[in-house]
Every structure is written in structure tokens, then in C-alpha cells.
N, C-alpha and C. Protein backbone atom coordinates (compact mmCIF):
# COMPACT_ATOMS: atom_id res chain seq x y z
N MET A 1 1.04 -13.57 -8.22
CA MET A 1 -0.05 -12.86 -8.08
C MET A 1 0.29 -12.57 -6.64
N ASN A 2 0.88 -13.28 -5.68
CA ASN A 2 1.15 -12.80 -4.67
C ASN A 2 2.02 -11.87 -4.20
N GLY A 3 2.84 -10.93 -5.61
CA GLY A 3 3.46 -9.50 -5.48
C GLY A 3 2.64 -8.77 -5.44
N VAL A 4 1.30 -9.04 -6.56
CA VAL A 4 -0.14 -8.09 -6.51
C VAL A 4 -0.97 -7.64 -5.76
N LEU A 5 -0.55 -8.56 -5.15
CA LEU A 5 -1.72 -8.60 -3.45
C LEU A 5 -0.38 -8.07 -2.36
N LEU A 6 0.33 -8.29 -2.61
CA LEU A 6 1.41 -7.34 -1.18
C LEU A 6 1.27 -5.86 -1.57
N ILE A 7 1.54 -5.37 -3.01
CA ILE A 7 1.77 -4.15 -3.07
C ILE A 7 0.89 -3.44 -2.72
N ALA A 8 -0.91 -3.89 -3.95
CA ALA A 8 -1.70 -3.70 -3.13
C ALA A 8 -2.22 -3.08 -1.95
N ILE A 9 -2.05 -4.27 -0.91
CA ILE A 9 -1.95 -4.03 0.78
C ILE A 9 -1.37 -3.11 0.96
N SER A 10 -0.69 -3.08 0.62
CA SER A 10 0.82 -2.19 1.50
C SER A 10 0.08 -0.65 0.75
N ILE A 11 -0.48 -0.53 -0.08
CA ILE A 11 -0.70 0.95 -0.68
C ILE A 11 -1.94 1.34 -0.26
N THR A 12 -2.97 0.44 -0.46
CA THR A 12 -4.07 1.12 0.21
C THR A 12 -4.35 0.82 1.55
N SER A 13 -3.82 -0.04 2.37
CA SER A 13 -3.76 0.35 4.02
C SER A 13 -2.36 0.86 4.30
N CYS A 14 -1.61 1.15 4.21
CA CYS A 14 -0.37 1.47 4.39
C CYS A 14 -0.06 1.60 6.13
N LYS A 15 -0.68 0.75 6.45
CA LYS A 15 -0.70 0.15 8.11
C LYS A 15 0.81 0.04 8.53
N ASP A 16 1.80 -0.26 7.62
CA ASP A 16 3.11 -0.76 8.20
C ASP A 16 3.65 0.52 7.70
N SER A 17 3.35 1.47 7.19
CA SER A 17 4.42 2.70 6.49
C SER A 17 5.26 3.19 7.93
N VAL A 18 6.25 3.70 8.16
CA VAL A 18 6.61 4.26 9.18
C VAL A 18 6.13 5.89 8.76
N GLN A 19 6.26 6.63 7.68
CA GLN A 19 6.02 7.74 7.55
C GLN A 19 4.65 8.17 6.95
N HIS A 20 3.70 8.49 7.84
CA HIS A 20 2.36 8.94 8.05
C HIS A 20 2.37 10.71 8.07
N THR A 21 1.19 11.15 7.81
CA THR A 21 0.76 12.27 7.96
C THR A 21 1.27 13.22 8.94
N ALA A 22 0.88 12.59 10.40
CA ALA A 22 1.08 13.19 11.34
C ALA A 22 2.86 13.45 12.07
N SER A 23 3.45 12.63 11.21
CA SER A 23 4.67 12.76 11.26
C SER A 23 5.63 13.39 9.98
N ASN A 24 4.70 14.06 9.20
CA ASN A 24 5.12 15.13 8.12
C ASN A 24 4.47 16.36 8.56
N PRO A 25 5.56 17.32 9.41
CA PRO A 25 4.64 18.17 9.47
C PRO A 25 4.20 19.65 8.31
N ALA A 26 4.56 19.10 7.03
CA ALA A 26 4.38 19.74 6.07
C ALA A 26 3.55 19.72 5.49
N SER A 27 2.76 17.98 6.09
CA SER A 27 1.63 17.84 5.07
C SER A 27 0.06 18.81 5.85
N PRO A 28 -0.96 19.12 5.01
CA PRO A 28 -1.69 20.14 4.98
C PRO A 28 -2.69 19.63 5.80
N ASN A 29 -3.15 18.64 6.29
CA ASN A 29 -4.13 17.71 7.48
C ASN A 29 -3.23 16.68 7.93
N ASN A 30 -4.05 16.28 9.44
CA ASN A 30 -3.72 15.35 9.98
C ASN A 30 -4.80 14.11 10.51
N THR A 31 -5.93 14.55 9.21
CA THR A 31 -6.95 14.13 9.99
C THR A 31 -7.25 12.60 9.26
N TYR A 32 -6.13 11.99 8.56
CA TYR A 32 -6.21 10.86 8.61
C TYR A 32 -5.94 9.76 9.60
N ASP A 33 -5.16 10.39 10.61
CA ASP A 33 -4.41 9.70 11.57
C ASP A 33 -5.62 9.61 13.34
N LEU A 34 -6.99 10.10 12.44
CA LEU A 34 -8.11 9.95 13.63
C LEU A 34 -8.34 8.57 14.10
N PRO A 35 -8.83 8.11 14.64
CA PRO A 35 -9.15 6.45 15.36
C PRO A 35 -10.33 5.83 14.47
N ASP A 36 -11.04 7.14 13.61
CA ASP A 36 -12.01 6.40 12.83
C ASP A 36 -11.76 6.01 11.74
N ARG A 37 -10.93 6.16 11.14
CA ARG A 37 -9.98 6.44 9.72
C ARG A 37 -8.90 5.20 10.19
N PRO A 38 -8.93 3.83 10.04
CA PRO A 38 -8.16 2.93 10.09
C PRO A 38 -7.62 2.24 9.26
N PHE A 39 -8.32 2.61 8.16
CA PHE A 39 -7.14 2.18 6.42
C PHE A 39 -6.32 3.42 5.58
N SER A 40 -6.58 3.82 4.65
CA SER A 40 -5.86 4.46 3.76
C SER A 40 -5.17 5.63 4.28
N LYS A 41 -4.01 5.77 4.50
CA LYS A 41 -2.82 7.27 4.88
C LYS A 41 -2.27 7.44 3.79
N PRO A 42 -1.92 8.94 4.01
CA PRO A 42 -0.96 9.35 2.69
C PRO A 42 0.51 8.90 3.64
N ILE A 43 1.75 8.80 2.32
CA ILE A 43 3.22 7.99 2.82
C ILE A 43 3.54 9.29 1.45
N LEU A 44 4.90 9.48 2.46
CA LEU A 44 5.96 10.48 1.44
C LEU A 44 6.08 9.20 0.03
N ILE A 45 6.59 10.23 -0.74
CA ILE A 45 6.75 9.67 -1.99
C ILE A 45 8.36 8.81 -1.90
N ASP A 46 9.17 8.62 -0.84
CA ASP A 46 10.27 7.97 -1.06
C ASP A 46 9.86 6.70 -0.52
N SER A 47 9.07 6.58 0.31
CA SER A 47 8.42 5.21 1.11
C SER A 47 8.16 4.64 0.24
N ALA A 48 6.83 5.36 -0.81
CA ALA A 48 6.03 4.55 -2.03
C ALA A 48 6.91 3.67 -2.66
N ASN A 49 7.89 4.91 -3.53
CA ASN A 49 8.77 4.33 -3.92
C ASN A 49 9.41 3.17 -4.13
N ARG A 50 9.61 3.14 -2.52
CA ARG A 50 10.31 1.92 -2.13
C ARG A 50 9.83 0.24 -2.00
N MET A 51 8.13 1.01 -1.66
CA MET A 51 7.06 -0.12 -1.52
C MET A 51 6.94 -0.57 -3.12
N ILE A 52 7.30 0.19 -4.24
CA ILE A 52 6.70 0.16 -5.42
C ILE A 52 8.46 -1.09 -5.92
N GLN A 53 9.17 0.10 -5.62
CA GLN A 53 10.47 -0.83 -6.05
C GLN A 53 10.66 -2.38 -5.82
N SER A 54 10.33 -2.56 -4.18
CA SER A 54 10.59 -4.07 -4.06
C SER A 54 9.15 -4.76 -4.96
N TYR A 55 7.89 -4.01 -4.92
CA TYR A 55 7.57 -4.78 -5.77
C TYR A 55 7.75 -5.67 -7.03
N LEU A 56 8.56 -4.41 -7.90
CA LEU A 56 8.77 -4.62 -9.17
C LEU A 56 10.03 -5.66 -8.93
N THR A 57 11.02 -5.67 -8.17
CA THR A 57 11.89 -6.55 -8.23
C THR A 57 11.52 -8.06 -7.87
N SER A 58 10.72 -8.23 -7.48
CA SER A 58 10.37 -9.35 -7.07
C SER A 58 9.50 -9.81 -8.16
N ILE A 59 9.01 -9.42 -8.76
CA ILE A 59 8.33 -9.60 -10.49
C ILE A 59 9.15 -10.16 -11.28
N HIS A 60 10.59 -9.19 -11.43
CA HIS A 60 11.50 -9.72 -12.75
C HIS A 60 11.02 -9.10 -13.94
N PRO A 61 10.63 -8.01 -13.82
CA PRO A 61 10.26 -7.35 -15.32
C PRO A 61 11.27 -7.65 -16.67
N ASP A 62 12.05 -7.45 -16.10
CA ASP A 62 13.24 -7.43 -17.27
C ASP A 62 13.39 -8.93 -17.94
N VAL A 63 12.41 -9.87 -17.10
CA VAL A 63 12.09 -11.48 -17.41
C VAL A 63 11.12 -11.38 -17.88
N ASN A 64 9.83 -11.42 -17.69
CA ASN A 64 8.39 -11.42 -17.43
C ASN A 64 7.98 -9.99 -17.96
N ASN A 65 7.57 -9.58 -19.24
CA ASN A 65 7.33 -8.62 -19.39
C ASN A 65 6.02 -8.40 -19.56
N ASP A 66 5.27 -9.20 -18.71
CA ASP A 66 3.86 -9.00 -19.03
C ASP A 66 3.13 -9.12 -17.76
N ALA A 67 4.16 -9.04 -16.45
CA ALA A 67 3.61 -8.55 -15.51
C ALA A 67 3.17 -7.50 -15.01
N ILE A 68 2.49 -7.20 -14.49
CA ILE A 68 1.81 -6.14 -13.62
C ILE A 68 2.77 -5.18 -13.17
N LYS A 69 2.40 -4.17 -13.10
CA LYS A 69 3.09 -3.31 -12.75
C LYS A 69 2.16 -1.98 -12.08
N SER A 70 0.99 -2.17 -12.82
CA SER A 70 0.13 -1.34 -12.13
C SER A 70 -1.48 -1.28 -12.85
N LEU A 71 -2.38 -0.81 -12.49
CA LEU A 71 -3.69 -0.69 -12.80
C LEU A 71 -4.22 0.41 -12.92
N ILE A 72 -4.32 0.90 -14.06
CA ILE A 72 -5.00 2.22 -14.00
C ILE A 72 -6.61 2.47 -14.35
N PHE A 73 -7.14 3.14 -13.32
CA PHE A 73 -8.60 3.21 -13.22
C PHE A 73 -8.99 4.39 -14.11
N ASP A 74 -10.24 5.08 -14.16
CA ASP A 74 -10.64 5.89 -14.81
C ASP A 74 -11.18 7.17 -13.88
N ALA A 75 -10.84 8.24 -13.36
CA ALA A 75 -10.91 9.24 -12.09
C ALA A 75 -12.04 9.96 -12.36
N ASP A 76 -12.80 9.74 -13.59
CA ASP A 76 -14.37 10.68 -13.51
C ASP A 76 -15.39 9.68 -13.38
N LEU A 77 -15.29 8.32 -13.77
CA LEU A 77 -16.38 7.19 -13.41
C LEU A 77 -16.02 7.27 -11.48
N LEU A 78 -14.78 6.98 -11.27
CA LEU A 78 -14.68 7.21 -9.99
C LEU A 78 -15.40 8.14 -8.89
N ARG A 79 -15.43 9.17 -9.56
CA ARG A 79 -15.75 10.47 -8.56
C ARG A 79 -16.95 10.34 -8.98
N GLU A 80 -17.76 9.90 -10.26
CA GLU A 80 -19.86 10.17 -10.55
C GLU A 80 -19.76 8.94 -9.19
N TYR A 81 -19.13 8.17 -9.44
CA TYR A 81 -19.62 7.11 -8.32
C TYR A 81 -19.42 7.24 -6.70
N LEU A 82 -18.53 8.16 -6.29
CA LEU A 82 -18.31 7.97 -5.31
C LEU A 82 -19.28 9.50 -4.93
N ASN A 83 -19.42 10.51 -5.69
CA ASN A 83 -20.09 11.25 -5.16
C ASN A 83 -22.16 11.25 -5.29
N ASP A 84 -22.20 10.24 -5.44
CA ASP A 84 -23.39 9.73 -5.71
C ASP A 84 -24.15 9.27 -4.41
N SER A 85 -25.10 9.84 -3.72
CA SER A 85 -25.40 9.47 -3.19
C SER A 85 -26.75 8.98 -2.61
N SER A 86 -26.87 8.59 -3.12
CA SER A 86 -28.75 8.22 -3.69
C SER A 86 -29.53 7.05 -2.31
N GLN A 87 -27.59 6.04 -2.37
CA GLN A 87 -28.10 5.08 -1.69
C GLN A 87 -27.35 5.26 -0.57
N GLY A 88 -27.09 6.14 -0.04
CA GLY A 88 -26.36 6.13 0.84
C GLY A 88 -24.34 7.28 1.09
N LYS A 89 -23.95 7.02 2.25
CA LYS A 89 -22.60 7.88 1.63
C LYS A 89 -21.42 6.46 1.16
N ILE A 90 -20.97 6.77 0.76
CA ILE A 90 -19.32 5.89 0.69
C ILE A 90 -19.08 5.99 1.16
N ARG A 91 -17.81 5.20 2.66
CA ARG A 91 -17.17 5.38 3.60
C ARG A 91 -16.20 4.44 2.98
N HIS A 92 -15.79 3.89 2.53
CA HIS A 92 -14.35 2.76 1.89
C HIS A 92 -14.92 2.16 0.53
N MET A 93 -13.64 2.06 0.21
CA MET A 93 -13.87 1.42 -0.99
C MET A 93 -13.04 -0.08 -1.02
N LYS A 94 -13.47 -0.86 -1.62
CA LYS A 94 -13.13 -2.34 -1.52
C LYS A 94 -12.21 -2.26 -3.15
N PHE A 95 -11.32 -3.27 -2.80
CA PHE A 95 -10.55 -3.50 -3.95
C PHE A 95 -10.07 -4.88 -4.27
N LEU A 96 -11.01 -5.46 -4.84
CA LEU A 96 -10.97 -6.70 -5.13
C LEU A 96 -10.02 -7.15 -6.23
N PHE A 97 -9.11 -7.84 -5.91
CA PHE A 97 -8.36 -8.81 -7.15
C PHE A 97 -9.07 -9.94 -8.21
N ALA A 98 -9.34 -9.84 -9.35
CA ALA A 98 -10.18 -10.60 -9.68
C ALA A 98 -9.90 -10.81 -11.65
N HIS A 99 -10.01 -12.21 -11.64
CA HIS A 99 -9.53 -12.35 -13.10
C HIS A 99 -10.67 -12.04 -14.27
N ARG A 100 -9.39 -10.95 -15.23
CA ARG A 100 -10.60 -10.69 -16.81
C ARG A 100 -11.29 -11.67 -16.98
N LEU A 101 -12.77 -11.08 -17.25
CA LEU A 101 -13.67 -12.00 -17.94
C LEU A 101 -12.95 -12.76 -19.04
N SER A 102 -12.30 -11.97 -20.00
CA SER A 102 -11.58 -12.68 -21.61
C SER A 102 -10.55 -13.63 -20.58
N TYR A 103 -9.93 -13.81 -19.88
CA TYR A 103 -9.40 -14.90 -19.53
C TYR A 103 -9.87 -15.91 -19.01
N ILE A 104 -10.88 -15.89 -18.27
CA ILE A 104 -12.34 -17.00 -17.64
C ILE A 104 -12.48 -17.56 -19.00
N ASN A 105 -13.40 -16.59 -19.84
CA ASN A 105 -13.50 -17.02 -21.36
C ASN A 105 -13.14 -17.76 -21.92
N ASP A 106 -11.64 -17.68 -21.97
CA ASP A 106 -10.78 -18.86 -22.74
C ASP A 106 -10.17 -19.68 -22.52
N GLY A 107 -11.16 -20.31 -21.45
CA GLY A 107 -10.59 -21.35 -20.54
C GLY A 107 -9.94 -21.43 -19.19
N HIS A 108 -9.74 -20.69 -18.82
CA HIS A 108 -8.56 -20.26 -17.70
C HIS A 108 -9.44 -20.35 -16.03
N PHE A 109 -10.83 -20.46 -16.00
CA PHE A 109 -11.73 -20.18 -14.51
C PHE A 109 -11.03 -20.74 -13.72
N GLY A 110 -10.45 -20.34 -12.73
CA GLY A 110 -9.90 -20.79 -11.05
C GLY A 110 -8.52 -21.07 -11.25
N GLN A 111 -7.92 -20.70 -12.66
CA GLN A 111 -6.38 -20.80 -12.47
C GLN A 111 -5.54 -19.73 -12.52
N ARG A 112 -4.69 -20.23 -11.30
CA ARG A 112 -3.26 -19.15 -11.18
C ARG A 112 -2.83 -18.36 -12.27
N PRO A 113 -2.72 -17.46 -12.11
CA PRO A 113 -2.08 -16.55 -13.53
C PRO A 113 -0.39 -15.93 -13.10
N ASP A 114 -0.41 -15.73 -11.82
CA ASP A 114 0.77 -15.37 -11.30
C ASP A 114 0.29 -13.53 -11.60
N SER A 115 1.35 -13.10 -12.04
CA SER A 115 0.65 -11.38 -12.32
C SER A 115 0.97 -11.60 -13.59
N ASN A 116 0.02 -11.90 -14.44
CA ASN A 116 -0.13 -11.83 -15.82
C ASN A 116 -1.62 -10.62 -16.04
N SER A 117 -0.40 -9.96 -16.77
CA SER A 117 -1.42 -8.62 -17.70
C SER A 117 -2.87 -8.91 -18.11
N ASN A 118 -2.71 -10.08 -18.71
CA ASN A 118 -4.07 -10.33 -18.94
C ASN A 118 -4.67 -10.92 -18.97
N ALA A 119 -4.56 -11.22 -17.44
CA ALA A 119 -5.17 -12.28 -16.69
C ALA A 119 -5.79 -11.39 -15.92
N LEU A 120 -5.59 -10.13 -15.01
CA LEU A 120 -5.54 -9.85 -13.77
C LEU A 120 -6.54 -8.44 -13.72
N THR A 121 -7.25 -8.11 -12.84
CA THR A 121 -8.14 -6.62 -12.84
C THR A 121 -8.28 -6.98 -11.33
N MET A 122 -8.60 -5.45 -11.25
CA MET A 122 -9.59 -5.56 -9.91
C MET A 122 -11.27 -5.28 -10.04
N VAL A 123 -12.10 -5.11 -9.10
CA VAL A 123 -13.15 -4.77 -9.08
C VAL A 123 -13.51 -4.31 -7.74
N LEU A 124 -13.16 -2.55 -8.34
CA LEU A 124 -13.87 -1.81 -6.84
C LEU A 124 -15.26 -1.73 -6.66
N ILE A 125 -15.43 -2.11 -5.32
CA ILE A 125 -17.09 -2.04 -4.89
C ILE A 125 -16.80 -1.03 -3.28
N GLY A 126 -17.73 0.48 -3.29
CA GLY A 126 -18.08 1.09 -2.23
C GLY A 126 -18.93 0.26 -0.62
N TYR A 127 -18.72 0.79 0.24
CA TYR A 127 -19.38 0.63 1.18
C TYR A 127 -19.48 1.70 2.61
N GLY A 128 -20.80 1.73 3.22
CA GLY A 128 -21.10 2.69 3.89
C GLY A 128 -21.01 2.63 5.08
N ALA A 129 -21.07 3.37 6.00
CA ALA A 129 -20.48 3.15 7.62
C ALA A 129 -21.18 1.79 7.94
N ASN A 130 -22.21 1.61 7.71
CA ASN A 130 -23.14 0.16 8.05
C ASN A 130 -22.34 -1.07 8.09
N GLY A 131 -21.65 -1.29 6.60
CA GLY A 131 -20.65 -1.93 6.22
C GLY A 131 -21.24 -2.69 4.88
N ASN A 132 -22.46 -2.00 4.56
CA ASN A 132 -23.30 -2.63 3.45
C ASN A 132 -22.49 -1.80 1.97
N TYR A 133 -22.50 -3.09 1.09
CA TYR A 133 -22.14 -2.41 -0.28
C TYR A 133 -23.07 -1.39 -0.87
N ILE A 134 -22.55 -0.38 -1.93
CA ILE A 134 -23.28 0.43 -2.14
C ILE A 134 -22.83 0.74 -3.58
N TYR A 135 -23.78 -0.20 -4.16
CA TYR A 135 -23.39 -0.62 -6.29
C TYR A 135 -23.87 0.87 -6.53
N TYR A 136 -23.24 0.95 -8.02
CA TYR A 136 -23.40 2.23 -9.23
C TYR A 136 -24.77 1.63 -9.57
N ASN A 137 -25.01 2.61 -9.51
CA ASN A 137 -26.33 2.80 -10.34
C ASN A 137 -27.20 1.48 -9.92
N ASN A 138 -26.93 0.98 -8.88
CA ASN A 138 -27.54 0.13 -7.79
C ASN A 138 -27.87 -1.55 -8.54
N SER A 139 -26.87 -1.41 -9.32
CA SER A 139 -26.72 -2.78 -9.34
C SER A 139 -25.06 -3.57 -10.07
N TYR A 140 -24.51 -2.45 -10.05
CA TYR A 140 -22.99 -2.59 -11.15
C TYR A 140 -21.81 -2.63 -10.15
N ALA A 141 -21.06 -3.09 -9.91
CA ALA A 141 -19.46 -2.84 -9.26
C ALA A 141 -18.73 -1.85 -10.44
N LEU A 142 -17.39 -1.52 -9.83
CA LEU A 142 -16.83 -1.22 -11.04
C LEU A 142 -15.30 -2.04 -11.52
N ASP A 143 -15.49 -1.76 -13.02
CA ASP A 143 -13.84 -2.67 -13.67
C ASP A 143 -13.69 -1.75 -14.58
N PHE A 144 -12.83 -2.84 -15.46
CA PHE A 144 -12.37 -1.88 -16.80
C PHE A 144 -10.96 -1.39 -16.17
N CYS A 145 -9.97 -2.02 -14.85
CA CYS A 145 -9.00 -1.50 -14.66
C CYS A 145 -7.78 -1.86 -15.96
N GLN A 146 -7.45 -1.15 -16.49
CA GLN A 146 -6.59 -1.20 -18.22
C GLN A 146 -5.08 -1.32 -17.31
N PRO A 147 -4.07 -2.62 -17.46
CA PRO A 147 -3.22 -3.10 -17.10
C PRO A 147 -1.49 -1.94 -18.06
N CYS A 148 -1.01 -2.36 -16.71
CA CYS A 148 0.64 -1.55 -16.87
C CYS A 148 1.39 -2.71 -16.90
N PRO A 149 1.93 -3.09 -18.18
CA PRO A 149 2.71 -2.65 -19.29
C PRO A 149 1.81 -2.29 -20.33
N ARG A 150 1.16 -3.58 -20.38
CA ARG A 150 -0.14 -3.20 -21.71
C ARG A 150 -0.66 -1.45 -22.24
N GLU A 151 -1.09 -0.84 -20.93
CA GLU A 151 -1.61 0.12 -21.07
C GLU A 151 -1.17 1.45 -20.17
N CYS A 152 -0.04 1.32 -20.38
CA CYS A 152 0.64 2.10 -19.36
C CYS A 152 0.84 3.86 -20.51
N PRO A 153 0.45 4.99 -19.46
CA PRO A 153 0.64 6.54 -20.50
C PRO A 153 2.12 6.30 -20.78
N ASP A 154 2.05 7.17 -22.04
CA ASP A 154 3.24 7.23 -22.87
C ASP A 154 4.34 8.82 -22.55
N PHE A 155 3.77 9.30 -21.86
CA PHE A 155 4.55 10.85 -21.39
C PHE A 155 3.73 11.17 -20.25
N GLY A 156 4.48 12.29 -19.77
CA GLY A 156 4.59 12.69 -18.21
C GLY A 156 5.28 11.49 -17.27
N THR A 157 5.25 12.18 -16.00
CA THR A 157 5.97 11.37 -15.13
C THR A 157 5.16 10.24 -14.87
N ALA A 158 3.66 9.96 -15.33
CA ALA A 158 3.02 8.65 -14.91
C ALA A 158 3.52 7.53 -16.00
N SER A 159 4.25 8.39 -16.77
CA SER A 159 4.83 7.20 -17.73
C SER A 159 6.07 6.26 -17.23
N GLY A 160 6.70 6.72 -15.66
CA GLY A 160 7.49 5.99 -15.33
C GLY A 160 7.33 4.41 -14.33
N ASP A 161 8.07 3.86 -14.23
CA ASP A 161 6.81 2.70 -12.75
C ASP A 161 7.50 3.52 -11.50
N LEU A 162 8.08 4.41 -11.20
CA LEU A 162 8.35 5.08 -9.81
C LEU A 162 7.30 6.38 -9.72
N LEU A 163 7.34 6.78 -8.66
CA LEU A 163 7.25 7.88 -8.55
C LEU A 163 8.00 9.27 -8.80
N SER A 164 7.46 10.34 -9.40
CA SER A 164 8.55 11.35 -9.43
C SER A 164 7.59 12.77 -9.17
N GLN A 165 8.57 13.51 -9.40
CA GLN A 165 7.44 14.89 -9.19
C GLN A 165 8.42 15.89 -10.10
């Protein structure tokens, strides 16, 4: 699970990435480099691929064929949630690693699964500028990330492990 945590932290915070929007003159805007945006920043595809390849190498997918390579989330649900301002504007998203309920219900509460795709998911929750959580429909967080390799796309550029254009 440490490898999964490492890649998620790397991709969501990107603070250690050398190539940010400001260093890329072809970038459409540089608003991500403002001081009030300390979190996610765009990175170039080659930097992202280097980060992803490092993680994939660390989990040995040739031996551990059930290790999580990625988690897939429904974009329409996320858009609906982000666009609902009835409880306030979501300023940031928090991605929390969690055990799948099926893994817990099978008697594995509190057991470390490493990167087993049958065991791990992410719970997504937004929060406002005041630091308070903003719940979906007042009492829900978002879940049901589909693990890849079990639920990977079968076609298109998203079917590969690395980013391609």
C-alpha cells in the first residue's frame, strides 16, 4: 500500500515535480502557481509517466498481477458534486485511502492488504475554504472507485499503464 500512497501523493500534490505550468511556456494559463493554490499542479506527461513507471516497477505487476495500478472514478458524479454549491463552494478534494467494504466484511478489518485490488479504494470528499467538509447530498462521501487491473478500459489510450497522446 505504500506504493499506492506514494503515487497518489505524487500525483495529487505534485510539489516535488520539477516541471510545473510556470516552466512550460506552452501552458494555457499559470494560475496554478499562485500562492493560494498550494496543492495540485499540472505536470508534463513525461514527468507523470516517470512517476507512474517508478510505482509500477515497485509493485512488480509481472509477479503481483492483482496489485492496484490505478483507480477509476465516474466523472459525471464528480462534476455533479463539484457543481453543487448548496452547502458552499468546494475548494479542495481530499482522496482518502480506504478498505473496500467487501474486504472488511470478509473478516479483514484493520488488516494490511498491500496493494490488493480487491481490498483498496478511495473515498473522495470536498472541503471549503473554511476547512470544513462538504458532503454529497448533505450526508454522503464519494466511493466506488473501480480498481485497475480488474476494471481497466479495454481500448483507447486509457487502456495502457502509462499516459500517451
